[in-house]
C-alpha atoms as a PDB file:
ATOM      1  CA  MET A   1       3.270 -13.357 -12.670  1.00  0.00           C
ATOM      2  CA  PRO A   2       2.979 -10.176 -10.538  1.00  0.00           C
ATOM      3  CA  VAL A   3       2.570 -10.640  -7.027  1.00  0.00           C
ATOM      4  CA  ILE A   4       0.323  -7.830  -5.493  1.00  0.00           C
ATOM      5  CA  PHE A   5       0.540  -8.434  -1.770  1.00  0.00           C
ATOM      6  CA  ARG A   6       1.041 -11.265   0.766  1.00  0.00           C
ATOM      7  CA  ILE A   7      -1.317 -11.639   3.753  1.00  0.00           C
ATOM      8  CA  GLY A   8       0.150 -14.091   6.137  1.00  0.00           C
ATOM      9  CA  ARG A   9       0.514 -17.456   4.541  1.00  0.00           C
ATOM     10  CA  PHE A  10      -1.322 -16.166   1.229  1.00  0.00           C
ATOM     11  CA  ARG A  11      -0.001 -14.618  -1.940  1.00  0.00           C
ATOM     12  CA  PHE A  12      -2.314 -12.600  -3.842  1.00  0.00           C
ATOM     13  CA  PHE A  13      -1.034 -12.473  -7.916  1.00  0.00           C
ATOM     14  CA  PHE A  14      -2.422 -12.368 -11.493  1.00  0.00           C
ATOM     15  CA  TYR A  15      -0.901 -14.305 -14.606  1.00  0.00           C
ATOM     16  CA  ALA A  16       0.799 -11.785 -17.189  1.00  0.00           C
ATOM     17  CA  ASN A  17      -0.550 -13.703 -19.950  1.00  0.00           C
ATOM     18  CA  GLU A  18      -3.911 -14.680 -19.048  1.00  0.00           C
ATOM     19  CA  GLY A  19      -6.337 -15.139 -21.616  1.00  0.00           C
ATOM     20  CA  ASN A  20      -7.172 -13.934 -25.102  1.00  0.00           C
ATOM     21  CA  PRO A  21      -9.492 -12.017 -24.763  1.00  0.00           C
ATOM     22  CA  ARG A  22      -8.383 -11.220 -21.180  1.00  0.00           C
ATOM     23  CA  ASP A  23     -10.803 -12.150 -18.263  1.00  0.00           C
ATOM     24  CA  PRO A  24     -12.523  -9.115 -16.374  1.00  0.00           C
ATOM     25  CA  PRO A  25     -10.342  -7.992 -13.499  1.00  0.00           C
ATOM     26  CA  HIS A  26      -9.608 -10.685 -10.851  1.00  0.00           C
ATOM     27  CA  ILE A  27      -6.849 -11.897  -8.423  1.00  0.00           C
ATOM     28  CA  HIS A  28      -5.244 -15.393  -7.912  1.00  0.00           C
ATOM     29  CA  VAL A  29      -4.522 -16.403  -4.401  1.00  0.00           C
ATOM     30  CA  ASP A  30      -2.080 -19.420  -3.360  1.00  0.00           C
ATOM     31  CA  HIS A  31      -0.590 -21.192  -0.459  1.00  0.00           C
ATOM     32  CA  GLY A  32       1.335 -24.377  -1.235  1.00  0.00           C
ATOM     33  CA  ASP A  33      -0.164 -26.427  -3.603  1.00  0.00           C
ATOM     34  CA  ASN A  34      -3.610 -24.622  -3.434  1.00  0.00           C
ATOM     35  CA  GLU A  35      -5.089 -21.848  -5.473  1.00  0.00           C
ATOM     36  CA  ALA A  36      -8.097 -19.984  -6.469  1.00  0.00           C
ATOM     37  CA  LYS A  37      -9.166 -17.365  -8.447  1.00  0.00           C
ATOM     38  CA  PHE A  38     -11.835 -14.615  -7.478  1.00  0.00           C
ATOM     39  CA  TRP A  39     -13.472 -12.203  -9.320  1.00  0.00           C
ATOM     40  CA  LEU A  40     -13.232  -8.863  -8.342  1.00  0.00           C
ATOM     41  CA  ARG A  41     -16.773  -7.363  -9.759  1.00  0.00           C
ATOM     42  CA  PRO A  42     -19.627  -6.827  -9.510  1.00  0.00           C
ATOM     43  CA  ASN A  43     -18.794  -8.591  -6.305  1.00  0.00           C
ATOM     44  CA  VAL A  44     -15.815 -10.700  -4.911  1.00  0.00           C
ATOM     45  CA  ARG A  45     -16.793 -14.443  -5.595  1.00  0.00           C
ATOM     46  CA  VAL A  46     -14.751 -17.711  -6.395  1.00  0.00           C
ATOM     47  CA  ALA A  47     -14.198 -18.262  -9.851  1.00  0.00           C
ATOM     48  CA  TYR A  48     -12.404 -21.400  -9.216  1.00  0.00           C
ATOM     49  CA  ASN A  49     -10.940 -23.594  -6.650  1.00  0.00           C
ATOM     50  CA  ASP A  50      -8.114 -25.870  -6.574  1.00  0.00           C
ATOM     51  CA  GLY A  51      -7.254 -27.501  -3.239  1.00  0.00           C
ATOM     52  CA  PHE A  52      -8.526 -25.118  -0.647  1.00  0.00           C
ATOM     53  CA  ASN A  53     -10.646 -26.637   2.100  1.00  0.00           C
ATOM     54  CA  ALA A  54     -14.150 -25.043   3.047  1.00  0.00           C
ATOM     55  CA  LYS A  55     -12.639 -22.944   6.257  1.00  0.00           C
ATOM     56  CA  THR A  56     -10.120 -21.370   4.008  1.00  0.00           C
ATOM     57  CA  LEU A  57     -12.747 -20.461   1.045  1.00  0.00           C
ATOM     58  CA  ARG A  58     -14.475 -18.478   3.830  1.00  0.00           C
ATOM     59  CA  GLU A  59     -11.222 -16.818   5.207  1.00  0.00           C
ATOM     60  CA  VAL A  60      -9.571 -15.715   1.717  1.00  0.00           C
ATOM     61  CA  PRO A  61     -12.610 -13.571   0.176  1.00  0.00           C
ATOM     62  CA  ASP A  62     -12.467 -11.363   3.134  1.00  0.00           C
ATOM     63  CA  LEU A  63      -8.932 -10.614   2.624  1.00  0.00           C
ATOM     64  CA  VAL A  64     -10.041 -10.184  -1.040  1.00  0.00           C
ATOM     65  CA  VAL A  65     -12.436  -7.691  -0.194  1.00  0.00           C
ATOM     66  CA  ALA A  66     -10.490  -5.829   2.393  1.00  0.00           C
ATOM     67  CA  ASN A  67      -7.668  -5.275  -0.387  1.00  0.00           C
ATOM     68  CA  GLN A  68      -9.869  -5.057  -3.447  1.00  0.00           C
ATOM     69  CA  GLU A  69      -9.104  -1.693  -4.549  1.00  0.00           C
ATOM     70  CA  ARG A  70      -5.533  -2.501  -4.307  1.00  0.00           C
ATOM     71  CA  ALA A  71      -5.912  -5.446  -6.591  1.00  0.00           C
ATOM     72  CA  GLU A  72      -7.984  -3.470  -8.802  1.00  0.00           C
ATOM     73  CA  ARG A  73      -5.657  -0.731  -9.077  1.00  0.00           C
ATOM     74  CA  ALA A  74      -2.833  -3.159  -9.729  1.00  0.00           C
ATOM     75  CA  TRP A  75      -4.760  -5.309 -12.166  1.00  0.00           C
ATOM     76  CA  HIS A  76      -5.465  -1.956 -14.553  1.00  0.00           C
ATOM     77  CA  ASP A  77      -1.799  -0.575 -14.062  1.00  0.00           C
ATOM     78  CA  PHE A  78      -0.481  -3.529 -15.453  1.00  0.00           C
ATOM     79  CA  PHE A  79      -2.761  -4.580 -17.968  1.00  0.00           C
ATOM     80  CA  CYS A  80      -4.368  -0.926 -19.226  1.00  0.00           C
END
């Protein structure tokens, strides 16, 4: 499970063995027991949420957008 980066209390990562066929580029974010998955294209949006409250779900997408290029580059470097 490659960790791409950390910002504050959040860890941004993807699963190395995720899907067959593999999902389009996305990133997972967790903190404690909470995790969410965000699609990166065509625009950043929540794919699923497991435990984050509404306030956090307003905060985290901004962090994903700010680091979207970095996340996509890491995803493509690992899988392509």
